[in-house]
Amino acid sequence: MHALKKNRPLRRVTLAAAGTVTGVVLLLSLKPHTPPAVAQASSPSGQSQSQSQSSGSSPGGSSGGSSGGTKSTGTRTVTGDTVQTRWGPVQVRVTVRNGVITEVTAVACPQENPKDREINSYAIPQLRREALAAQSAQIDSVSGATYTSDGYRQSLQSALDSAGL
C-alpha cells in the first residue's frame, strides 16, 4: 500500500509539517544583501572652471568668469565630485550667475541597463527642479531612486562648495 493513503492520515500531516518547517528554515537561513557604503571619490577642492570646460559642452554655451573671491558677481560653471553609488557614478554640474543657481545638469548618472535609464529619466529632472527651487543641496530624495538622489545631493553640494555658495 502507498505511504500517503487515507488509512494513515497522521503520516500525511507529519510530512506536510516537516516540509513546512524545512521551507521556513531555508528561507530564514538566506542572508539579505547589505547595501555597500556610498563612497565619494576624493578630488582636489578646486574642481571647477578648468575641469568643467574640459569635460564637454557647458549649458548655455558660456562658462563665464569668476571675480576671484566674490561669490555674488559673474557667471561660473562648476562640476561637482563624482560620487560612486551602488548602481553607478553620479556627477552634477552647476551654473551660478550673480550668486543664484541658474542651471543644474547631471553630467553622469547610472545608465548601465534599461531599469537605470527608466528610473533616472524621471528622477534626474525632478532632482534638478528641486535644486533650482531650493537654491541649495537640501533637496528631498526621489522615491525609487534613493541611491541616485543621495549621489546627486552629494555631488551638488561639492559643486556649490567649489562655487563658494
Protein backbone atom coordinates (compact mmCIF):
# COMPACT_ATOMS: atom_id res chain seq x y z
CA MET A 1 0.00 0.00 0.00
CA HIS A 2 1.15 3.58 -0.68
CA ALA A 3 2.57 5.63 2.24
CA LEU A 4 0.12 8.53 1.80
CA LYS A 5 -3.10 6.52 1.61
CA LYS A 6 -6.08 7.58 3.70
CA ASN A 7 -5.69 4.79 6.18
CA ARG A 8 -2.71 6.68 7.69
CA PRO A 9 -3.71 10.41 7.84
CA LEU A 10 -1.23 11.20 10.63
CA ARG A 11 1.68 10.33 8.34
CA ARG A 12 0.45 12.85 5.75
CA VAL A 13 0.15 15.62 8.39
CA THR A 14 3.64 14.81 9.69
CA LEU A 15 5.18 15.01 6.21
CA ALA A 16 3.39 18.31 5.48
CA ALA A 17 4.57 19.79 8.79
CA ALA A 18 8.15 18.63 8.18
CA GLY A 19 8.10 20.14 4.67
CA THR A 20 6.80 23.46 6.02
CA VAL A 21 9.42 23.60 8.76
CA THR A 22 12.16 22.80 6.24
CA GLY A 23 10.96 25.58 3.93
CA VAL A 24 10.86 28.13 6.76
CA VAL A 25 14.36 27.15 7.92
CA LEU A 26 15.71 27.51 4.38
CA LEU A 27 14.10 30.95 3.98
CA LEU A 28 15.45 32.16 7.31
CA SER A 29 18.95 30.94 6.51
CA LEU A 30 19.20 33.21 3.45
CA LYS A 31 21.29 36.29 4.14
CA PRO A 32 19.90 39.59 2.85
CA HIS A 33 22.00 41.86 0.69
CA THR A 34 23.81 44.52 2.63
CA PRO A 35 23.96 47.79 0.72
CA PRO A 36 27.53 48.95 0.17
CA ALA A 37 28.56 52.23 1.71
CA VAL A 38 28.39 55.17 -0.65
CA ALA A 39 31.96 56.13 -1.40
CA GLN A 40 32.78 59.62 -2.56
CA ALA A 41 35.70 59.96 -4.92
CA SER A 42 38.36 62.15 -3.44
CA SER A 43 39.41 65.06 -5.55
CA PRO A 44 41.08 68.39 -5.08
CA SER A 45 38.83 71.03 -3.57
CA GLY A 46 39.10 73.33 -6.56
CA GLN A 47 37.41 71.14 -9.14
CA SER A 48 35.78 73.98 -11.03
CA GLN A 49 36.44 76.05 -14.13
CA SER A 50 39.20 74.09 -15.83
CA GLN A 51 37.52 70.71 -15.37
CA SER A 52 34.05 71.85 -16.36
CA GLN A 53 35.40 73.37 -19.55
CA SER A 54 37.40 70.28 -20.43
CA SER A 55 34.63 67.79 -19.71
CA GLY A 56 32.42 68.76 -22.63
CA SER A 57 29.98 71.44 -23.56
CA SER A 58 28.50 73.55 -20.85
CA PRO A 59 24.83 74.50 -20.73
CA GLY A 60 24.10 77.83 -22.33
CA GLY A 61 27.46 77.85 -24.06
CA SER A 62 29.21 80.06 -21.51
CA SER A 63 31.34 79.18 -18.58
CA GLY A 64 31.85 82.83 -17.71
CA GLY A 65 34.41 84.31 -15.44
CA SER A 66 34.54 84.48 -11.71
CA SER A 67 35.61 87.54 -9.84
CA GLY A 68 38.13 85.80 -7.60
CA GLY A 69 36.92 85.67 -4.01
CA THR A 70 33.49 87.19 -4.56
CA LYS A 71 30.63 84.75 -4.79
CA SER A 72 27.91 87.14 -5.89
CA THR A 73 29.14 88.50 -9.22
CA GLY A 74 29.62 86.98 -12.65
CA THR A 75 28.71 83.60 -14.09
CA ARG A 76 30.51 80.48 -13.03
CA THR A 77 30.07 76.84 -14.05
CA VAL A 78 31.33 74.28 -11.56
CA THR A 79 31.38 70.49 -11.80
CA GLY A 80 30.91 68.59 -8.56
CA ASP A 81 32.75 65.50 -7.41
CA THR A 82 31.88 62.14 -8.94
CA VAL A 83 30.01 60.14 -6.29
CA GLN A 84 30.11 56.35 -6.62
CA THR A 85 26.73 54.87 -5.71
CA ARG A 86 25.57 51.28 -5.58
CA TRP A 87 24.30 51.49 -9.18
CA GLY A 88 27.00 53.70 -10.71
CA PRO A 89 28.59 57.15 -10.64
CA VAL A 90 26.63 60.38 -10.24
CA GLN A 91 28.08 63.80 -11.07
CA VAL A 92 26.43 67.21 -11.27
CA ARG A 93 27.41 70.49 -12.98
CA VAL A 94 26.05 73.78 -11.63
CA THR A 95 25.91 77.21 -13.26
CA VAL A 96 25.82 80.11 -10.82
CA ARG A 97 25.03 83.63 -12.03
CA ASN A 98 25.32 86.50 -9.55
CA GLY A 99 25.05 84.13 -6.58
CA VAL A 100 21.92 82.38 -7.91
CA ILE A 101 21.85 78.81 -9.21
CA THR A 102 20.56 79.14 -12.76
CA GLU A 103 21.24 75.66 -14.14
CA VAL A 104 21.89 72.19 -12.74
CA THR A 105 22.92 69.42 -15.12
CA ALA A 106 23.57 65.75 -14.41
CA VAL A 107 26.91 65.04 -16.10
CA ALA A 108 26.92 61.37 -15.10
CA CYS A 109 24.24 59.05 -13.73
CA PRO A 110 23.71 55.28 -13.78
CA GLN A 111 22.82 54.19 -17.34
CA GLU A 112 24.00 50.55 -17.38
CA ASN A 113 20.65 48.91 -18.04
CA PRO A 114 17.10 49.82 -19.10
CA LYS A 115 15.90 49.94 -15.49
CA ASP A 116 18.59 52.53 -14.60
CA ARG A 117 17.63 54.63 -17.62
CA GLU A 118 13.93 54.39 -16.74
CA ILE A 119 14.46 55.40 -13.11
CA ASN A 120 16.80 58.26 -13.96
CA SER A 121 14.57 59.56 -16.76
CA TYR A 122 12.11 60.74 -14.12
CA ALA A 123 14.43 61.15 -11.10
CA ILE A 124 17.05 63.49 -12.62
CA PRO A 125 14.56 66.15 -13.88
CA GLN A 126 12.78 66.08 -10.53
CA LEU A 127 16.07 66.47 -8.62
CA ARG A 128 17.03 69.35 -10.96
CA ARG A 129 13.73 71.16 -10.31
CA GLU A 130 14.12 70.76 -6.56
CA ALA A 131 17.71 72.02 -6.60
CA LEU A 132 16.74 75.10 -8.60
CA ALA A 133 13.77 75.78 -6.31
CA ALA A 134 15.74 75.26 -3.09
CA GLN A 135 18.89 77.06 -4.34
CA SER A 136 20.87 74.56 -2.27
CA ALA A 137 21.64 70.87 -1.96
CA GLN A 138 18.98 70.42 0.73
CA ILE A 139 16.53 68.56 -1.51
CA ASP A 140 14.27 65.56 -0.99
CA SER A 141 15.11 62.14 -2.36
CA VAL A 142 13.05 60.77 -5.23
CA SER A 143 11.12 57.66 -4.26
CA GLY A 144 12.55 54.64 -6.06
CA ALA A 145 15.83 56.44 -6.81
CA THR A 146 17.33 56.74 -3.35
CA TYR A 147 20.93 55.95 -4.29
CA THR A 148 20.87 58.29 -7.27
CA SER A 149 19.26 61.01 -5.12
CA ASP A 150 21.94 60.68 -2.45
CA GLY A 151 24.74 60.79 -5.03
CA TYR A 152 23.11 63.77 -6.77
CA ARG A 153 22.82 65.64 -3.49
CA GLN A 154 26.47 64.95 -2.53
CA SER A 155 27.82 65.98 -5.94
CA LEU A 156 25.62 69.09 -5.93
CA GLN A 157 26.92 70.07 -2.50
CA SER A 158 30.54 69.68 -3.61
CA ALA A 159 29.86 71.84 -6.69
CA LEU A 160 28.19 74.50 -4.53
CA ASP A 161 31.12 74.41 -2.12
CA SER A 162 33.54 74.89 -5.01
CA ALA A 163 31.42 77.79 -6.31
CA GLY A 164 31.52 79.43 -2.90
CA LEU A 165 27.84 79.12 -2.08
